[in-house]
Amino acid sequence: MVEKKANIIKQTGKFIPEVREEVRKVTWPSRRETMMTTVFVFVLAVIAAIYFMFVDTIIHKLINGIIDYASR
């Protein structure tokens, strides 16, 4: 049991420097790139919301029309 704990401590001691080294290799986006990407995501979300609202309205009217026709 003590050996397992010692082994875990050794592995953690190796892991943390490796993580730091990998983080240094990351190419972080600039502030401008981050802003442009964020705006792009919001614009696409609005377009998707409008599209699904339009499709939902059409389906709603079709179903109501079928129900009204069937209830006559």
PDB file of N, CA and C in Angstrom:
ATOM      1  N   MET A   1       0.830  -1.203   0.000  1.00  0.00           N
ATOM      2  CA  MET A   1       0.000   0.000   0.000  1.00  0.00           C
ATOM      3  C   MET A   1       0.870   1.261   0.000  1.00  0.00           C
ATOM      4  N   VAL A   2       1.925   1.228   0.788  1.00  0.00           N
ATOM      5  CA  VAL A   2       2.831   2.372   0.865  1.00  0.00           C
ATOM      6  C   VAL A   2       3.552   2.554  -0.468  1.00  0.00           C
ATOM      7  N   GLU A   3       3.893   1.430  -1.127  1.00  0.00           N
ATOM      8  CA  GLU A   3       4.564   1.506  -2.421  1.00  0.00           C
ATOM      9  C   GLU A   3       3.669   2.166  -3.464  1.00  0.00           C
ATOM     10  N   LYS A   4       2.362   1.846  -3.414  1.00  0.00           N
ATOM     11  CA  LYS A   4       1.425   2.450  -4.370  1.00  0.00           C
ATOM     12  C   LYS A   4       1.387   3.965  -4.202  1.00  0.00           C
ATOM     13  N   LYS A   5       1.334   4.418  -2.946  1.00  0.00           N
ATOM     14  CA  LYS A   5       1.292   5.861  -2.690  1.00  0.00           C
ATOM     15  C   LYS A   5       2.575   6.535  -3.164  1.00  0.00           C
ATOM     16  N   ALA A   6       3.713   5.905  -2.923  1.00  0.00           N
ATOM     17  CA  ALA A   6       4.994   6.458  -3.361  1.00  0.00           C
ATOM     18  C   ALA A   6       5.052   6.509  -4.881  1.00  0.00           C
ATOM     19  N   ASN A   7       4.535   5.480  -5.534  1.00  0.00           N
ATOM     20  CA  ASN A   7       4.515   5.435  -6.985  1.00  0.00           C
ATOM     21  C   ASN A   7       3.620   6.541  -7.546  1.00  0.00           C
ATOM     22  N   ILE A   8       2.483   6.754  -6.925  1.00  0.00           N
ATOM     23  CA  ILE A   8       1.562   7.817  -7.366  1.00  0.00           C
ATOM     24  C   ILE A   8       2.232   9.180  -7.220  1.00  0.00           C
ATOM     25  N   ILE A   9       2.943   9.382  -6.136  1.00  0.00           N
ATOM     26  CA  ILE A   9       3.634  10.659  -5.914  1.00  0.00           C
ATOM     27  C   ILE A   9       4.709  10.862  -6.986  1.00  0.00           C
ATOM     28  N   LYS A  10       5.462   9.803  -7.316  1.00  0.00           N
ATOM     29  CA  LYS A  10       6.482   9.903  -8.361  1.00  0.00           C
ATOM     30  C   LYS A  10       5.843  10.222  -9.712  1.00  0.00           C
ATOM     31  N   GLN A  11       4.739   9.553 -10.026  1.00  0.00           N
ATOM     32  CA  GLN A  11       4.064   9.798 -11.305  1.00  0.00           C
ATOM     33  C   GLN A  11       3.544  11.220 -11.384  1.00  0.00           C
ATOM     34  N   THR A  12       3.001  11.713 -10.271  1.00  0.00           N
ATOM     35  CA  THR A  12       2.503  13.090 -10.247  1.00  0.00           C
ATOM     36  C   THR A  12       3.662  14.064 -10.428  1.00  0.00           C
ATOM     37  N   GLY A  13       4.784  13.772  -9.801  1.00  0.00           N
ATOM     38  CA  GLY A  13       5.966  14.619  -9.937  1.00  0.00           C
ATOM     39  C   GLY A  13       6.464  14.692 -11.373  1.00  0.00           C
ATOM     40  N   LYS A  14       6.287  13.635 -12.141  1.00  0.00           N
ATOM     41  CA  LYS A  14       6.666  13.636 -13.558  1.00  0.00           C
ATOM     42  C   LYS A  14       5.595  14.298 -14.421  1.00  0.00           C
ATOM     43  N   PHE A  15       4.352  14.110 -14.042  1.00  0.00           N
ATOM     44  CA  PHE A  15       3.226  14.568 -14.851  1.00  0.00           C
ATOM     45  C   PHE A  15       3.160  16.098 -14.927  1.00  0.00           C
ATOM     46  N   ILE A  16       3.309  16.766 -13.815  1.00  0.00           N
ATOM     47  CA  ILE A  16       3.144  18.222 -13.770  1.00  0.00           C
ATOM     48  C   ILE A  16       4.144  18.942 -14.674  1.00  0.00           C
ATOM     49  N   PRO A  17       5.443  18.622 -14.645  1.00  0.00           N
ATOM     50  CA  PRO A  17       6.366  19.285 -15.591  1.00  0.00           C
ATOM     51  C   PRO A  17       6.027  18.980 -17.057  1.00  0.00           C
ATOM     52  N   GLU A  18       5.554  17.771 -17.328  1.00  0.00           N
ATOM     53  CA  GLU A  18       5.173  17.432 -18.699  1.00  0.00           C
ATOM     54  C   GLU A  18       3.995  18.279 -19.159  1.00  0.00           C
ATOM     55  N   VAL A  19       3.045  18.499 -18.268  1.00  0.00           N
ATOM     56  CA  VAL A  19       1.890  19.340 -18.604  1.00  0.00           C
ATOM     57  C   VAL A  19       2.350  20.763 -18.884  1.00  0.00           C
ATOM     58  N   ARG A  20       3.231  21.293 -18.052  1.00  0.00           N
ATOM     59  CA  ARG A  20       3.734  22.654 -18.263  1.00  0.00           C
ATOM     60  C   ARG A  20       4.442  22.772 -19.610  1.00  0.00           C
ATOM     61  N   GLU A  21       5.217  21.761 -19.953  1.00  0.00           N
ATOM     62  CA  GLU A  21       5.928  21.773 -21.232  1.00  0.00           C
ATOM     63  C   GLU A  21       4.952  21.769 -22.404  1.00  0.00           C
ATOM     64  N   GLU A  22       3.912  20.977 -22.309  1.00  0.00           N
ATOM     65  CA  GLU A  22       2.915  20.917 -23.385  1.00  0.00           C
ATOM     66  C   GLU A  22       2.146  22.232 -23.496  1.00  0.00           C
ATOM     67  N   VAL A  23       1.836  22.858 -22.378  1.00  0.00           N
ATOM     68  CA  VAL A  23       1.110  24.139 -22.398  1.00  0.00           C
ATOM     69  C   VAL A  23       1.954  25.202 -23.075  1.00  0.00           C
ATOM     70  N   ARG A  24       3.270  25.160 -22.899  1.00  0.00           N
ATOM     71  CA  ARG A  24       4.151  26.131 -23.569  1.00  0.00           C
ATOM     72  C   ARG A  24       4.125  25.959 -25.085  1.00  0.00           C
ATOM     73  N   LYS A  25       3.829  24.762 -25.552  1.00  0.00           N
ATOM     74  CA  LYS A  25       3.798  24.486 -26.994  1.00  0.00           C
ATOM     75  C   LYS A  25       2.509  24.968 -27.662  1.00  0.00           C
ATOM     76  N   VAL A  26       1.493  25.247 -26.863  1.00  0.00           N
ATOM     77  CA  VAL A  26       0.195  25.631 -27.409  1.00  0.00           C
ATOM     78  C   VAL A  26       0.289  27.002 -28.070  1.00  0.00           C
ATOM     79  N   THR A  27      -0.310  27.123 -29.246  1.00  0.00           N
ATOM     80  CA  THR A  27      -0.407  28.418 -29.920  1.00  0.00           C
ATOM     81  C   THR A  27      -1.753  29.031 -29.541  1.00  0.00           C
ATOM     82  N   TRP A  28      -1.705  30.033 -28.694  1.00  0.00           N
ATOM     83  CA  TRP A  28      -2.932  30.653 -28.213  1.00  0.00           C
ATOM     84  C   TRP A  28      -3.425  31.674 -29.224  1.00  0.00           C
ATOM     85  N   PRO A  29      -4.745  31.770 -29.427  1.00  0.00           N
ATOM     86  CA  PRO A  29      -5.275  32.764 -30.378  1.00  0.00           C
ATOM     87  C   PRO A  29      -5.112  34.183 -29.825  1.00  0.00           C
ATOM     88  N   SER A  30      -5.022  35.117 -30.738  1.00  0.00           N
ATOM     89  CA  SER A  30      -4.926  36.519 -30.313  1.00  0.00           C
ATOM     90  C   SER A  30      -6.303  36.986 -29.837  1.00  0.00           C
ATOM     91  N   ARG A  31      -6.313  38.144 -29.223  1.00  0.00           N
ATOM     92  CA  ARG A  31      -7.583  38.703 -28.732  1.00  0.00           C
ATOM     93  C   ARG A  31      -8.544  38.933 -29.903  1.00  0.00           C
ATOM     94  N   ARG A  32      -8.002  39.418 -31.016  1.00  0.00           N
ATOM     95  CA  ARG A  32      -8.834  39.684 -32.207  1.00  0.00           C
ATOM     96  C   ARG A  32      -9.425  38.381 -32.748  1.00  0.00           C
ATOM     97  N   GLU A  33      -8.610  37.332 -32.837  1.00  0.00           N
ATOM     98  CA  GLU A  33      -9.110  36.041 -33.318  1.00  0.00           C
ATOM     99  C   GLU A  33     -10.213  35.500 -32.402  1.00  0.00           C
ATOM    100  N   THR A  34     -10.018  35.661 -31.106  1.00  0.00           N
ATOM    101  CA  THR A  34     -11.018  35.196 -30.150  1.00  0.00           C
ATOM    102  C   THR A  34     -12.327  35.965 -30.317  1.00  0.00           C
ATOM    103  N   MET A  35     -12.230  37.277 -30.478  1.00  0.00           N
ATOM    104  CA  MET A  35     -13.434  38.095 -30.659  1.00  0.00           C
ATOM    105  C   MET A  35     -14.158  37.730 -31.952  1.00  0.00           C
ATOM    106  N   MET A  36     -13.408  37.548 -33.040  1.00  0.00           N
ATOM    107  CA  MET A  36     -14.023  37.209 -34.326  1.00  0.00           C
ATOM    108  C   MET A  36     -14.718  35.850 -34.251  1.00  0.00           C
ATOM    109  N   THR A  37     -14.093  34.905 -33.614  1.00  0.00           N
ATOM    110  CA  THR A  37     -14.688  33.575 -33.472  1.00  0.00           C
ATOM    111  C   THR A  37     -15.957  33.647 -32.628  1.00  0.00           C
ATOM    112  N   THR A  38     -15.911  34.420 -31.553  1.00  0.00           N
ATOM    113  CA  THR A  38     -17.078  34.568 -30.683  1.00  0.00           C
ATOM    114  C   THR A  38     -18.240  35.200 -31.442  1.00  0.00           C
ATOM    115  N   VAL A  39     -17.965  36.257 -32.193  1.00  0.00           N
ATOM    116  CA  VAL A  39     -19.011  36.916 -32.983  1.00  0.00           C
ATOM    117  C   VAL A  39     -19.582  35.938 -34.008  1.00  0.00           C
ATOM    118  N   PHE A  40     -18.718  35.182 -34.653  1.00  0.00           N
ATOM    119  CA  PHE A  40     -19.147  34.200 -35.646  1.00  0.00           C
ATOM    120  C   PHE A  40     -20.090  33.168 -35.021  1.00  0.00           C
ATOM    121  N   VAL A  41     -19.749  32.683 -33.833  1.00  0.00           N
ATOM    122  CA  VAL A  41     -20.599  31.699 -33.153  1.00  0.00           C
ATOM    123  C   VAL A  41     -21.960  32.307 -32.819  1.00  0.00           C
ATOM    124  N   PHE A  42     -21.986  33.543 -32.314  1.00  0.00           N
ATOM    125  CA  PHE A  42     -23.263  34.184 -31.986  1.00  0.00           C
ATOM    126  C   PHE A  42     -24.119  34.411 -33.235  1.00  0.00           C
ATOM    127  N   VAL A  43     -23.493  34.839 -34.322  1.00  0.00           N
ATOM    128  CA  VAL A  43     -24.239  35.059 -35.566  1.00  0.00           C
ATOM    129  C   VAL A  43     -24.846  33.745 -36.059  1.00  0.00           C
ATOM    130  N   LEU A  44     -24.051  32.677 -36.052  1.00  0.00           N
ATOM    131  CA  LEU A  44     -24.579  31.378 -36.476  1.00  0.00           C
ATOM    132  C   LEU A  44     -25.685  30.880 -35.555  1.00  0.00           C
ATOM    133  N   ALA A  45     -25.571  31.158 -34.264  1.00  0.00           N
ATOM    134  CA  ALA A  45     -26.617  30.753 -33.324  1.00  0.00           C
ATOM    135  C   ALA A  45     -27.924  31.492 -33.620  1.00  0.00           C
ATOM    136  N   VAL A  46     -27.836  32.781 -33.943  1.00  0.00           N
ATOM    137  CA  VAL A  46     -29.035  33.559 -34.277  1.00  0.00           C
ATOM    138  C   VAL A  46     -29.650  33.046 -35.583  1.00  0.00           C
ATOM    139  N   ILE A  47     -28.813  32.771 -36.577  1.00  0.00           N
ATOM    140  CA  ILE A  47     -29.319  32.241 -37.848  1.00  0.00           C
ATOM    141  C   ILE A  47     -30.012  30.903 -37.633  1.00  0.00           C
ATOM    142  N   ALA A  48     -29.401  30.032 -36.841  1.00  0.00           N
ATOM    143  CA  ALA A  48     -30.008  28.727 -36.550  1.00  0.00           C
ATOM    144  C   ALA A  48     -31.329  28.898 -35.809  1.00  0.00           C
ATOM    145  N   ALA A  49     -31.396  29.831 -34.854  1.00  0.00           N
ATOM    146  CA  ALA A  49     -32.628  30.065 -34.097  1.00  0.00           C
ATOM    147  C   ALA A  49     -33.742  30.551 -35.019  1.00  0.00           C
ATOM    148  N   ILE A  50     -33.424  31.464 -35.928  1.00  0.00           N
ATOM    149  CA  ILE A  50     -34.432  31.965 -36.871  1.00  0.00           C
ATOM    150  C   ILE A  50     -34.899  30.848 -37.792  1.00  0.00           C
ATOM    151  N   TYR A  51     -33.968  30.047 -38.291  1.00  0.00           N
ATOM    152  CA  TYR A  51     -34.320  28.922 -39.166  1.00  0.00           C
ATOM    153  C   TYR A  51     -35.258  27.943 -38.454  1.00  0.00           C
ATOM    154  N   PHE A  52     -34.889  27.539 -37.243  1.00  0.00           N
ATOM    155  CA  PHE A  52     -35.715  26.568 -36.523  1.00  0.00           C
ATOM    156  C   PHE A  52     -37.061  27.165 -36.114  1.00  0.00           C
ATOM    157  N   MET A  53     -37.114  28.466 -35.838  1.00  0.00           N
ATOM    158  CA  MET A  53     -38.389  29.110 -35.542  1.00  0.00           C
ATOM    159  C   MET A  53     -39.286  29.056 -36.783  1.00  0.00           C
ATOM    160  N   PHE A  54     -38.712  29.329 -37.953  1.00  0.00           N
ATOM    161  CA  PHE A  54     -39.455  29.296 -39.205  1.00  0.00           C
ATOM    162  C   PHE A  54     -39.980  27.884 -39.479  1.00  0.00           C
ATOM    163  N   VAL A  55     -39.115  26.884 -39.362  1.00  0.00           N
ATOM    164  CA  VAL A  55     -39.523  25.491 -39.604  1.00  0.00           C
ATOM    165  C   VAL A  55     -40.577  25.062 -38.594  1.00  0.00           C
ATOM    166  N   ASP A  56     -40.394  25.434 -37.329  1.00  0.00           N
ATOM    167  CA  ASP A  56     -41.359  25.079 -36.286  1.00  0.00           C
ATOM    168  C   ASP A  56     -42.718  25.703 -36.573  1.00  0.00           C
ATOM    169  N   THR A  57     -42.730  26.946 -37.034  1.00  0.00           N
ATOM    170  CA  THR A  57     -43.997  27.611 -37.357  1.00  0.00           C
ATOM    171  C   THR A  57     -44.716  26.891 -38.499  1.00  0.00           C
ATOM    172  N   ILE A  58     -43.978  26.507 -39.520  1.00  0.00           N
ATOM    173  CA  ILE A  58     -44.581  25.784 -40.648  1.00  0.00           C
ATOM    174  C   ILE A  58     -45.161  24.453 -40.191  1.00  0.00           C
ATOM    175  N   ILE A  59     -44.389  23.698 -39.425  1.00  0.00           N
ATOM    176  CA  ILE A  59     -44.869  22.396 -38.937  1.00  0.00           C
ATOM    177  C   ILE A  59     -46.088  22.581 -38.040  1.00  0.00           C
ATOM    178  N   HIS A  60     -46.068  23.598 -37.188  1.00  0.00           N
ATOM    179  CA  HIS A  60     -47.205  23.881 -36.303  1.00  0.00           C
ATOM    180  C   HIS A  60     -48.471  24.168 -37.118  1.00  0.00           C
ATOM    181  N   LYS A  61     -48.342  24.992 -38.158  1.00  0.00           N
ATOM    182  CA  LYS A  61     -49.511  25.319 -38.987  1.00  0.00           C
ATOM    183  C   LYS A  61     -50.014  24.097 -39.747  1.00  0.00           C
ATOM    184  N   LEU A  62     -49.083  23.264 -40.238  1.00  0.00           N
ATOM    185  CA  LEU A  62     -49.490  22.041 -40.937  1.00  0.00           C
ATOM    186  C   LEU A  62     -50.251  21.099 -40.011  1.00  0.00           C
ATOM    187  N   ILE A  63     -49.737  20.898 -38.822  1.00  0.00           N
ATOM    188  CA  ILE A  63     -50.402  19.987 -37.878  1.00  0.00           C
ATOM    189  C   ILE A  63     -51.756  20.546 -37.470  1.00  0.00           C
ATOM    190  N   ASN A  64     -51.839  21.850 -37.206  1.00  0.00           N
ATOM    191  CA  ASN A  64     -53.125  22.441 -36.846  1.00  0.00           C
ATOM    192  C   ASN A  64     -54.113  22.319 -38.011  1.00  0.00           C
ATOM    193  N   GLY A  65     -53.628  22.491 -39.255  1.00  0.00           N
ATOM    194  CA  GLY A  65     -54.494  22.342 -40.407  1.00  0.00           C
ATOM    195  C   GLY A  65     -55.021  20.912 -40.526  1.00  0.00           C
ATOM    196  N   ILE A  66     -54.179  19.934 -40.284  1.00  0.00           N
ATOM    197  CA  ILE A  66     -54.604  18.536 -40.348  1.00  0.00           C
ATOM    198  C   ILE A  66     -55.606  18.232 -39.257  1.00  0.00           C
ATOM    199  N   ILE A  67     -55.353  18.751 -38.041  1.00  0.00           N
ATOM    200  CA  ILE A  67     -56.291  18.524 -36.932  1.00  0.00           C
ATOM    201  C   ILE A  67     -57.622  19.172 -37.220  1.00  0.00           C
ATOM    202  N   ASP A  68     -57.622  20.416 -37.731  1.00  0.00           N
ATOM    203  CA  ASP A  68     -58.883  21.110 -38.067  1.00  0.00           C
ATOM    204  C   ASP A  68     -59.634  20.356 -39.160  1.00  0.00           C
ATOM    205  N   TYR A  69     -58.924  19.885 -40.165  1.00  0.00           N
ATOM    206  CA  TYR A  69     -59.548  19.140 -41.270  1.00  0.00           C
ATOM    207  C   TYR A  69     -60.161  17.824 -40.765  1.00  0.00           C
ATOM    208  N   ALA A  70     -59.439  17.135 -39.877  1.00  0.00           N
ATOM    209  CA  ALA A  70     -59.912  15.855 -39.368  1.00  0.00           C
ATOM    210  C   ALA A  70     -61.081  16.023 -38.394  1.00  0.00           C
ATOM    211  N   SER A  71     -61.210  17.159 -37.751  1.00  0.00           N
ATOM    212  CA  SER A  71     -62.274  17.356 -36.755  1.00  0.00           C
ATOM    213  C   SER A  71     -63.577  17.838 -37.387  1.00  0.00           C
ATOM    214  N   ARG A  72     -63.615  18.056 -38.683  1.00  0.00           N
ATOM    215  CA  ARG A  72     -64.858  18.513 -39.330  1.00  0.00           C
ATOM    216  C   ARG A  72     -65.837  17.410 -39.486  1.00  0.00           C
TER     217      ARG A  72
END
